[in-house]
Amino acid sequence: EIKKLYKDIRSYPSITKYALQFLALTALRPGNIQNLKWEWIDWEKKVINIPAKAMKARKPYRLPLTNTLISILEEMKKFSLPINIYVFCSPINFARKMSENTLNQAIKKLGYNHRAHGWRASFSTFAYEHQKEHGFSSEVIETQLAHVIGSKVTRAYMRSDFLEERRKLLEWWERFLTP
């Protein structure tokens, strides 16, 4: 059903579909999608640098961008007003950010019993179930979910955020959702 939901989201008749696609393809928390700012995007490096204050774990987070994610961002530029600092604006008032309720209501209107936050569990479940297929470690999966991994000592020595591996994992996830 998750693949059908993603297909239905892509044809949803509102700009909300772009936020839902971005949410599904990145497994970010809905709050990160709502609060995503244009100034955090590094177009040249194909990465979004989310500051620590905007993350649940209060650690900076780099989101690798795939070609599809870049296309979604470029579509949202068309709706962005010069005063709008947020990427995903309200479908009712382009000068305001989108609410989590907007995301959940869109999924409900499509006829699914799924919540915006549920994309994280879906991503995690399928990424682990298909680990032999894509070949990425649990550390890569958990880092994409912005989870704290390892002991205090492990975290003290871990300097990588597996950016390129996560980009490839997100490309696999997109292929998985869109056969």
N, C-alpha and C. Protein backbone atom coordinates (compact mmCIF):
# COMPACT_ATOMS: atom_id res chain seq x y z
N GLU A 1 0.82 -1.20 0.00
CA GLU A 1 0.00 0.00 0.00
C GLU A 1 0.86 1.26 0.00
N ILE A 2 2.09 1.19 0.52
CA ILE A 2 2.93 2.38 0.62
C ILE A 2 3.30 2.91 -0.77
N LYS A 3 3.51 2.00 -1.72
CA LYS A 3 3.83 2.43 -3.08
C LYS A 3 2.62 3.09 -3.74
N LYS A 4 1.45 2.58 -3.48
CA LYS A 4 0.22 3.16 -4.03
C LYS A 4 -0.02 4.54 -3.41
N LEU A 5 0.21 4.66 -2.12
CA LEU A 5 0.08 5.96 -1.45
C LEU A 5 1.02 6.98 -2.09
N TYR A 6 2.26 6.58 -2.29
CA TYR A 6 3.22 7.52 -2.90
C TYR A 6 2.78 7.91 -4.31
N LYS A 7 2.28 6.96 -5.08
CA LYS A 7 1.78 7.24 -6.43
C LYS A 7 0.61 8.23 -6.36
N ASP A 8 -0.31 8.01 -5.43
CA ASP A 8 -1.46 8.89 -5.28
C ASP A 8 -1.05 10.30 -4.82
N ILE A 9 -0.04 10.37 -3.97
CA ILE A 9 0.46 11.68 -3.52
C ILE A 9 0.97 12.48 -4.71
N ARG A 10 1.66 11.83 -5.61
CA ARG A 10 2.25 12.52 -6.76
C ARG A 10 1.20 13.16 -7.67
N SER A 11 -0.03 12.66 -7.60
CA SER A 11 -1.08 13.25 -8.44
C SER A 11 -2.10 14.06 -7.62
N TYR A 12 -1.78 14.32 -6.35
CA TYR A 12 -2.66 15.11 -5.49
C TYR A 12 -2.76 16.53 -6.05
N PRO A 13 -3.98 17.06 -6.18
CA PRO A 13 -4.17 18.36 -6.85
C PRO A 13 -3.93 19.59 -5.96
N SER A 14 -2.77 19.69 -5.38
CA SER A 14 -2.45 20.82 -4.50
C SER A 14 -0.93 20.88 -4.34
N ILE A 15 -0.40 22.05 -4.00
CA ILE A 15 1.04 22.14 -3.76
C ILE A 15 1.46 21.31 -2.55
N THR A 16 0.51 20.89 -1.76
CA THR A 16 0.81 20.03 -0.60
C THR A 16 1.51 18.76 -1.06
N LYS A 17 1.26 18.33 -2.30
CA LYS A 17 1.88 17.11 -2.80
C LYS A 17 3.40 17.20 -2.76
N TYR A 18 3.96 18.39 -2.97
CA TYR A 18 5.41 18.53 -2.97
C TYR A 18 6.00 18.31 -1.58
N ALA A 19 5.33 18.82 -0.57
CA ALA A 19 5.78 18.60 0.80
C ALA A 19 5.65 17.12 1.17
N LEU A 20 4.54 16.50 0.76
CA LEU A 20 4.34 15.07 1.04
C LEU A 20 5.37 14.21 0.32
N GLN A 21 5.68 14.55 -0.92
CA GLN A 21 6.72 13.81 -1.64
C GLN A 21 8.06 13.97 -0.93
N PHE A 22 8.39 15.18 -0.57
CA PHE A 22 9.67 15.46 0.10
C PHE A 22 9.75 14.69 1.41
N LEU A 23 8.65 14.69 2.14
CA LEU A 23 8.55 13.95 3.40
C LEU A 23 8.77 12.47 3.17
N ALA A 24 8.07 11.91 2.19
CA ALA A 24 8.17 10.48 1.90
C ALA A 24 9.58 10.10 1.46
N LEU A 25 10.19 10.91 0.63
CA LEU A 25 11.49 10.57 0.05
C LEU A 25 12.67 10.80 0.98
N THR A 26 12.49 11.59 2.03
CA THR A 26 13.60 11.89 2.93
C THR A 26 13.47 11.25 4.30
N ALA A 27 12.25 10.90 4.70
CA ALA A 27 11.96 10.36 6.04
C ALA A 27 12.30 11.36 7.14
N LEU A 28 12.27 12.64 6.82
CA LEU A 28 12.44 13.67 7.85
C LEU A 28 11.19 13.71 8.72
N ARG A 29 11.30 14.32 9.86
CA ARG A 29 10.13 14.54 10.71
C ARG A 29 9.26 15.61 10.05
N PRO A 30 7.94 15.49 10.19
CA PRO A 30 7.06 16.52 9.59
C PRO A 30 7.43 17.94 10.01
N GLY A 31 7.84 18.13 11.26
CA GLY A 31 8.25 19.46 11.72
C GLY A 31 9.44 20.00 10.95
N ASN A 32 10.36 19.12 10.54
CA ASN A 32 11.49 19.56 9.74
C ASN A 32 11.05 20.00 8.35
N ILE A 33 10.04 19.33 7.81
CA ILE A 33 9.51 19.71 6.51
C ILE A 33 8.82 21.07 6.62
N GLN A 34 7.99 21.24 7.63
CA GLN A 34 7.26 22.50 7.84
C GLN A 34 8.20 23.68 8.03
N ASN A 35 9.30 23.47 8.73
CA ASN A 35 10.21 24.56 9.09
C ASN A 35 11.42 24.69 8.18
N LEU A 36 11.44 23.94 7.10
CA LEU A 36 12.57 23.97 6.17
C LEU A 36 12.68 25.35 5.53
N LYS A 37 13.87 25.94 5.62
CA LYS A 37 14.08 27.30 5.11
C LYS A 37 14.95 27.30 3.86
N TRP A 38 14.64 28.22 2.98
CA TRP A 38 15.41 28.35 1.74
C TRP A 38 16.88 28.60 2.01
N GLU A 39 17.17 29.36 3.04
CA GLU A 39 18.57 29.73 3.31
C GLU A 39 19.44 28.53 3.69
N TRP A 40 18.85 27.42 4.05
CA TRP A 40 19.61 26.23 4.45
C TRP A 40 20.07 25.39 3.25
N ILE A 41 19.56 25.69 2.08
CA ILE A 41 19.87 24.87 0.90
C ILE A 41 21.18 25.32 0.27
N ASP A 42 22.08 24.36 0.08
CA ASP A 42 23.32 24.57 -0.65
C ASP A 42 23.14 23.88 -2.00
N TRP A 43 22.75 24.65 -3.00
CA TRP A 43 22.42 24.11 -4.31
C TRP A 43 23.64 23.48 -4.98
N GLU A 44 24.81 24.09 -4.80
CA GLU A 44 26.03 23.58 -5.43
C GLU A 44 26.43 22.22 -4.88
N LYS A 45 26.36 22.07 -3.57
CA LYS A 45 26.77 20.80 -2.95
C LYS A 45 25.63 19.78 -2.87
N LYS A 46 24.45 20.19 -3.30
CA LYS A 46 23.26 19.33 -3.26
C LYS A 46 23.01 18.79 -1.84
N VAL A 47 22.90 19.73 -0.92
CA VAL A 47 22.69 19.37 0.48
C VAL A 47 21.89 20.47 1.18
N ILE A 48 21.11 20.07 2.16
CA ILE A 48 20.43 21.04 3.02
C ILE A 48 21.08 20.94 4.39
N ASN A 49 21.53 22.07 4.91
CA ASN A 49 22.18 22.14 6.21
C ASN A 49 21.17 22.64 7.24
N ILE A 50 20.60 21.71 7.99
CA ILE A 50 19.61 22.07 8.99
C ILE A 50 20.34 22.33 10.31
N PRO A 51 20.19 23.52 10.88
CA PRO A 51 20.91 23.85 12.12
C PRO A 51 20.41 23.05 13.32
N ALA A 52 21.27 22.94 14.31
CA ALA A 52 20.97 22.15 15.51
C ALA A 52 19.67 22.58 16.17
N LYS A 53 19.40 23.87 16.23
CA LYS A 53 18.19 24.36 16.92
C LYS A 53 16.91 23.87 16.25
N ALA A 54 16.99 23.47 14.98
CA ALA A 54 15.81 23.01 14.25
C ALA A 54 15.64 21.49 14.29
N MET A 55 16.56 20.80 14.96
CA MET A 55 16.52 19.34 15.01
C MET A 55 16.13 18.86 16.41
N LYS A 56 15.44 17.73 16.47
CA LYS A 56 14.99 17.17 17.74
C LYS A 56 16.17 16.88 18.68
N ALA A 57 17.25 16.30 18.13
CA ALA A 57 18.41 15.95 18.95
C ALA A 57 19.34 17.14 19.19
N ARG A 58 18.97 18.30 18.66
CA ARG A 58 19.75 19.53 18.83
C ARG A 58 21.19 19.38 18.31
N LYS A 59 21.30 18.64 17.19
CA LYS A 59 22.58 18.50 16.49
C LYS A 59 22.35 18.90 15.04
N PRO A 60 23.32 19.59 14.43
CA PRO A 60 23.13 19.96 13.02
C PRO A 60 22.98 18.71 12.16
N TYR A 61 22.26 18.86 11.08
CA TYR A 61 21.95 17.71 10.22
C TYR A 61 22.10 18.12 8.77
N ARG A 62 22.80 17.29 8.01
CA ARG A 62 22.92 17.53 6.58
C ARG A 62 22.04 16.53 5.84
N LEU A 63 21.15 17.04 5.02
CA LEU A 63 20.27 16.20 4.22
C LEU A 63 20.82 16.17 2.79
N PRO A 64 21.21 14.98 2.32
CA PRO A 64 21.67 14.89 0.93
C PRO A 64 20.49 15.02 -0.03
N LEU A 65 20.70 15.73 -1.12
CA LEU A 65 19.63 15.92 -2.10
C LEU A 65 19.85 15.04 -3.33
N THR A 66 18.80 14.36 -3.73
CA THR A 66 18.81 13.60 -4.96
C THR A 66 18.27 14.51 -6.06
N ASN A 67 18.34 14.05 -7.30
CA ASN A 67 17.80 14.86 -8.40
C ASN A 67 16.31 15.11 -8.24
N THR A 68 15.58 14.11 -7.76
CA THR A 68 14.14 14.28 -7.56
C THR A 68 13.86 15.31 -6.47
N LEU A 69 14.61 15.27 -5.38
CA LEU A 69 14.41 16.25 -4.31
C LEU A 69 14.71 17.66 -4.80
N ILE A 70 15.73 17.80 -5.63
CA ILE A 70 16.05 19.11 -6.20
C ILE A 70 14.90 19.58 -7.10
N SER A 71 14.33 18.68 -7.87
CA SER A 71 13.18 19.03 -8.73
C SER A 71 12.00 19.51 -7.90
N ILE A 72 11.75 18.85 -6.78
CA ILE A 72 10.65 19.27 -5.89
C ILE A 72 10.91 20.67 -5.36
N LEU A 73 12.13 20.93 -4.94
CA LEU A 73 12.49 22.26 -4.43
C LEU A 73 12.32 23.32 -5.53
N GLU A 74 12.71 22.98 -6.75
CA GLU A 74 12.56 23.92 -7.85
C GLU A 74 11.08 24.20 -8.14
N GLU A 75 10.23 23.19 -8.00
CA GLU A 75 8.78 23.41 -8.17
C GLU A 75 8.26 24.36 -7.10
N MET A 76 8.73 24.18 -5.87
CA MET A 76 8.27 25.04 -4.77
C MET A 76 8.72 26.48 -4.94
N LYS A 77 9.83 26.69 -5.63
CA LYS A 77 10.29 28.06 -5.89
C LYS A 77 9.21 28.86 -6.63
N LYS A 78 8.45 28.17 -7.47
CA LYS A 78 7.41 28.84 -8.25
C LYS A 78 6.31 29.43 -7.37
N PHE A 79 6.14 28.88 -6.18
CA PHE A 79 5.09 29.34 -5.27
C PHE A 79 5.64 30.23 -4.16
N SER A 80 6.93 30.34 -4.11
CA SER A 80 7.56 31.09 -3.03
C SER A 80 7.49 32.59 -3.29
N LEU A 81 7.02 33.31 -2.31
CA LEU A 81 6.99 34.76 -2.38
C LEU A 81 8.33 35.30 -1.88
N PRO A 82 8.71 36.49 -2.31
CA PRO A 82 10.00 37.05 -1.85
C PRO A 82 10.11 37.13 -0.32
N ILE A 83 8.98 37.27 0.37
CA ILE A 83 9.03 37.38 1.83
C ILE A 83 9.00 36.01 2.52
N ASN A 84 8.77 34.96 1.75
CA ASN A 84 8.62 33.63 2.35
C ASN A 84 9.98 32.99 2.62
N ILE A 85 10.24 32.71 3.87
CA ILE A 85 11.51 32.08 4.24
C ILE A 85 11.39 30.56 4.24
N TYR A 86 10.15 30.04 4.27
CA TYR A 86 9.94 28.60 4.33
C TYR A 86 9.75 28.00 2.94
N VAL A 87 10.30 26.82 2.74
CA VAL A 87 10.20 26.14 1.46
C VAL A 87 8.77 25.70 1.18
N PHE A 88 8.15 25.05 2.15
CA PHE A 88 6.81 24.50 1.95
C PHE A 88 5.77 25.42 2.58
N CYS A 89 5.14 26.19 1.72
CA CYS A 89 4.17 27.17 2.17
C CYS A 89 2.77 26.57 2.27
N SER A 90 1.93 27.26 2.96
CA SER A 90 0.53 26.87 3.09
C SER A 90 -0.14 26.93 1.73
N PRO A 91 -0.99 25.95 1.39
CA PRO A 91 -1.71 26.02 0.11
C PRO A 91 -2.78 27.11 0.09
N ILE A 92 -3.10 27.63 1.26
CA ILE A 92 -4.12 28.68 1.37
C ILE A 92 -3.48 30.07 1.36
N ASN A 93 -2.34 30.20 2.02
CA ASN A 93 -1.65 31.47 2.12
C ASN A 93 -0.16 31.23 1.87
N PHE A 94 0.31 31.55 0.67
CA PHE A 94 1.69 31.27 0.28
C PHE A 94 2.72 32.01 1.14
N ALA A 95 2.30 32.99 1.91
CA ALA A 95 3.22 33.73 2.77
C ALA A 95 3.45 33.04 4.11
N ARG A 96 2.72 31.95 4.37
CA ARG A 96 2.86 31.23 5.65
C ARG A 96 3.40 29.82 5.41
N LYS A 97 3.98 29.24 6.45
CA LYS A 97 4.47 27.87 6.31
C LYS A 97 3.30 26.89 6.42
N MET A 98 3.53 25.71 5.92
CA MET A 98 2.51 24.67 5.92
C MET A 98 2.41 24.05 7.31
N SER A 99 1.22 23.65 7.71
CA SER A 99 1.03 23.02 9.02
C SER A 99 1.08 21.50 8.88
N GLU A 100 1.38 20.81 9.97
CA GLU A 100 1.38 19.35 9.95
C GLU A 100 -0.02 18.83 9.66
N ASN A 101 -1.03 19.55 10.14
CA ASN A 101 -2.41 19.15 9.88
C ASN A 101 -2.71 19.13 8.37
N THR A 102 -2.12 20.06 7.63
CA THR A 102 -2.29 20.08 6.18
C THR A 102 -1.79 18.78 5.57
N LEU A 103 -0.64 18.31 6.03
CA LEU A 103 -0.06 17.06 5.52
C LEU A 103 -0.96 15.88 5.86
N ASN A 104 -1.38 15.80 7.11
CA ASN A 104 -2.23 14.68 7.54
C ASN A 104 -3.59 14.69 6.86
N GLN A 105 -4.16 15.87 6.68
CA GLN A 105 -5.47 15.97 6.02
C GLN A 105 -5.38 15.55 4.55
N ALA A 106 -4.29 15.89 3.91
CA ALA A 106 -4.12 15.50 2.50
C ALA A 106 -4.07 13.97 2.37
N ILE A 107 -3.35 13.33 3.26
CA ILE A 107 -3.26 11.87 3.24
C ILE A 107 -4.64 11.27 3.50
N LYS A 108 -5.36 11.85 4.44
CA LYS A 108 -6.71 11.38 4.76
C LYS A 108 -7.64 11.54 3.55
N LYS A 109 -7.55 12.69 2.86
CA LYS A 109 -8.38 12.93 1.68
C LYS A 109 -8.10 11.93 0.58
N LEU A 110 -6.89 11.42 0.55
CA LEU A 110 -6.53 10.40 -0.44
C LEU A 110 -7.10 9.03 -0.06
N GLY A 111 -7.64 8.93 1.16
CA GLY A 111 -8.28 7.69 1.59
C GLY A 111 -7.37 6.72 2.32
N TYR A 112 -6.29 7.22 2.89
CA TYR A 112 -5.34 6.35 3.59
C TYR A 112 -5.36 6.58 5.10
N ASN A 113 -5.15 5.52 5.83
CA ASN A 113 -5.01 5.59 7.28
C ASN A 113 -3.51 5.64 7.58
N HIS A 114 -2.91 6.76 7.28
CA HIS A 114 -1.46 6.94 7.42
C HIS A 114 -1.26 8.35 7.92
N ARG A 115 -0.26 8.56 8.74
CA ARG A 115 0.05 9.89 9.25
C ARG A 115 1.35 10.38 8.60
N ALA A 116 1.53 11.67 8.57
CA ALA A 116 2.75 12.24 7.99
C ALA A 116 4.00 11.65 8.66
N HIS A 117 3.94 11.53 9.98
CA HIS A 117 5.10 10.98 10.71
C HIS A 117 5.33 9.51 10.37
N GLY A 118 4.31 8.84 9.86
CA GLY A 118 4.41 7.43 9.53
C GLY A 118 5.39 7.12 8.42
N TRP A 119 5.76 8.11 7.61
CA TRP A 119 6.75 7.88 6.57
C TRP A 119 8.10 7.48 7.16
N ARG A 120 8.38 7.93 8.36
CA ARG A 120 9.65 7.56 9.01
C ARG A 120 9.67 6.06 9.31
N ALA A 121 8.57 5.56 9.85
CA ALA A 121 8.48 4.12 10.16
C ALA A 121 8.48 3.30 8.87
N SER A 122 7.80 3.79 7.86
CA SER A 122 7.78 3.08 6.58
C SER A 122 9.19 2.99 6.00
N PHE A 123 9.89 4.12 5.97
CA PHE A 123 11.25 4.13 5.46
C PHE A 123 12.13 3.16 6.26
N SER A 124 12.08 3.27 7.58
CA SER A 124 12.91 2.42 8.44
C SER A 124 12.61 0.94 8.20
N THR A 125 11.34 0.58 8.20
CA THR A 125 10.94 -0.81 8.03
C THR A 125 11.44 -1.37 6.71
N PHE A 126 11.16 -0.68 5.62
CA PHE A 126 11.55 -1.20 4.30
C PHE A 126 13.06 -1.13 4.09
N ALA A 127 13.72 -0.11 4.62
CA ALA A 127 15.18 -0.03 4.49
C ALA A 127 15.85 -1.21 5.20
N TYR A 128 15.34 -1.57 6.37
CA TYR A 128 15.90 -2.73 7.08
C TYR A 128 15.51 -4.04 6.41
N GLU A 129 14.28 -4.16 5.96
CA GLU A 129 13.84 -5.40 5.31
C GLU A 129 14.59 -5.65 4.00
N HIS A 130 15.04 -4.61 3.34
CA HIS A 130 15.72 -4.75 2.05
C HIS A 130 17.21 -4.41 2.15
N GLN A 131 17.77 -4.57 3.32
CA GLN A 131 19.17 -4.21 3.54
C GLN A 131 20.11 -4.98 2.62
N LYS A 132 19.84 -6.26 2.38
CA LYS A 132 20.70 -7.04 1.48
C LYS A 132 20.63 -6.51 0.06
N GLU A 133 19.48 -5.99 -0.33
CA GLU A 133 19.29 -5.45 -1.67
C GLU A 133 20.08 -4.16 -1.89
N HIS A 134 19.98 -3.21 -0.94
CA HIS A 134 20.65 -1.92 -1.12
C HIS A 134 22.05 -1.88 -0.51
N GLY A 135 22.32 -2.73 0.47
CA GLY A 135 23.67 -2.86 1.01
C GLY A 135 24.13 -1.81 2.00
N PHE A 136 23.22 -1.00 2.55
CA PHE A 136 23.64 0.04 3.48
C PHE A 136 23.44 -0.41 4.92
N SER A 137 24.35 0.00 5.77
CA SER A 137 24.37 -0.42 7.17
C SER A 137 23.26 0.25 7.98
N SER A 138 23.05 -0.29 9.16
CA SER A 138 22.06 0.29 10.07
C SER A 138 22.48 1.72 10.47
N GLU A 139 23.78 1.96 10.54
CA GLU A 139 24.24 3.32 10.88
C GLU A 139 23.81 4.33 9.82
N VAL A 140 23.86 3.92 8.57
CA VAL A 140 23.45 4.82 7.48
C VAL A 140 21.94 5.07 7.57
N ILE A 141 21.17 4.01 7.79
CA ILE A 141 19.72 4.13 7.90
C ILE A 141 19.35 5.03 9.08
N GLU A 142 19.94 4.76 10.23
CA GLU A 142 19.62 5.55 11.43
C GLU A 142 20.07 7.00 11.32
N THR A 143 21.19 7.22 10.65
CA THR A 143 21.65 8.60 10.45
C THR A 143 20.69 9.35 9.54
N GLN A 144 20.15 8.66 8.52
CA GLN A 144 19.15 9.33 7.67
C GLN A 144 17.92 9.72 8.49
N LEU A 145 17.57 8.90 9.47
CA LEU A 145 16.43 9.20 10.33
C LEU A 145 16.77 10.24 11.41
N ALA A 146 18.01 10.71 11.40
CA ALA A 146 18.49 11.69 12.39
C ALA A 146 18.39 11.14 13.81
N HIS A 147 18.65 9.84 13.94
CA HIS A 147 18.68 9.22 15.26
C HIS A 147 20.08 9.26 15.82
N VAL A 148 20.19 9.34 17.11
CA VAL A 148 21.48 9.27 17.79
C VAL A 148 21.89 7.80 17.79
N ILE A 149 23.08 7.49 17.29
CA ILE A 149 23.52 6.10 17.23
C ILE A 149 24.78 5.88 18.05
N GLY A 150 24.85 4.69 18.63
CA GLY A 150 26.04 4.30 19.39
C GLY A 150 26.09 4.88 20.79
N SER A 151 27.11 4.43 21.50
CA SER A 151 27.34 4.90 22.87
C SER A 151 27.94 6.30 22.84
N LYS A 152 28.09 6.88 24.01
CA LYS A 152 28.72 8.20 24.12
C LYS A 152 30.12 8.17 23.53
N VAL A 153 30.83 7.11 23.80
CA VAL A 153 32.20 6.97 23.30
C VAL A 153 32.19 6.86 21.77
N THR A 154 31.31 6.02 21.24
CA THR A 154 31.20 5.86 19.78
C THR A 154 30.90 7.20 19.14
N ARG A 155 29.97 7.94 19.70
CA ARG A 155 29.60 9.24 19.15
C ARG A 155 30.75 10.24 19.24
N ALA A 156 31.57 10.13 20.27
CA ALA A 156 32.70 11.04 20.42
C ALA A 156 33.73 10.84 19.30
N TYR A 157 33.85 9.60 18.82
CA TYR A 157 34.82 9.29 17.77
C TYR A 157 34.22 9.32 16.36
N MET A 158 32.92 9.23 16.24
CA MET A 158 32.28 9.18 14.93
C MET A 158 32.25 10.57 14.32
N ARG A 159 32.92 10.73 13.23
CA ARG A 159 32.98 12.04 12.56
C ARG A 159 32.17 12.07 11.25
N SER A 160 31.69 10.93 10.80
CA SER A 160 30.98 10.85 9.54
C SER A 160 29.47 10.94 9.72
N ASP A 161 28.83 11.56 8.75
CA ASP A 161 27.36 11.51 8.72
C ASP A 161 26.90 10.72 7.49
N PHE A 162 27.84 10.00 6.85
CA PHE A 162 27.53 9.09 5.74
C PHE A 162 26.75 9.78 4.63
N LEU A 163 27.11 11.02 4.34
CA LEU A 163 26.33 11.84 3.41
C LEU A 163 26.13 11.17 2.04
N GLU A 164 27.21 10.72 1.42
CA GLU A 164 27.07 10.12 0.09
C GLU A 164 26.37 8.77 0.14
N GLU A 165 26.61 7.99 1.18
CA GLU A 165 25.89 6.72 1.33
C GLU A 165 24.39 6.98 1.50
N ARG A 166 24.05 8.00 2.27
CA ARG A 166 22.64 8.33 2.48
C ARG A 166 21.99 8.84 1.19
N ARG A 167 22.75 9.56 0.38
CA ARG A 167 22.22 10.01 -0.91
C ARG A 167 21.86 8.78 -1.76
N LYS A 168 22.74 7.80 -1.79
CA LYS A 168 22.47 6.57 -2.55
C LYS A 168 21.32 5.78 -1.94
N LEU A 169 21.23 5.77 -0.62
CA LEU A 169 20.11 5.10 0.05
C LEU A 169 18.79 5.78 -0.33
N LEU A 170 18.77 7.10 -0.36
CA LEU A 170 17.56 7.82 -0.75
C LEU A 170 17.22 7.57 -2.21
N GLU A 171 18.21 7.42 -3.06
CA GLU A 171 17.95 7.08 -4.47
C GLU A 171 17.33 5.68 -4.56
N TRP A 172 17.85 4.74 -3.75
CA TRP A 172 17.26 3.40 -3.71
C TRP A 172 15.80 3.48 -3.24
N TRP A 173 15.55 4.24 -2.18
CA TRP A 173 14.21 4.38 -1.61
C TRP A 173 13.24 4.94 -2.66
N GLU A 174 13.68 5.92 -3.41
CA GLU A 174 12.84 6.48 -4.46
C GLU A 174 12.52 5.42 -5.53
N ARG A 175 13.52 4.65 -5.93
CA ARG A 175 13.27 3.57 -6.91
C ARG A 175 12.32 2.54 -6.33
N PHE A 176 12.45 2.26 -5.05
CA PHE A 176 11.58 1.30 -4.38
C PHE A 176 10.12 1.78 -4.41
N LEU A 177 9.92 3.07 -4.15
CA LEU A 177 8.57 3.62 -4.10
C LEU A 177 7.95 3.80 -5.49
N THR A 178 8.77 3.96 -6.50
CA THR A 178 8.26 4.23 -7.85
C THR A 178 8.76 3.18 -8.84
N PRO A 179 8.22 1.98 -8.76
CA PRO A 179 8.68 0.91 -9.67
C PRO A 179 8.31 1.18 -11.13
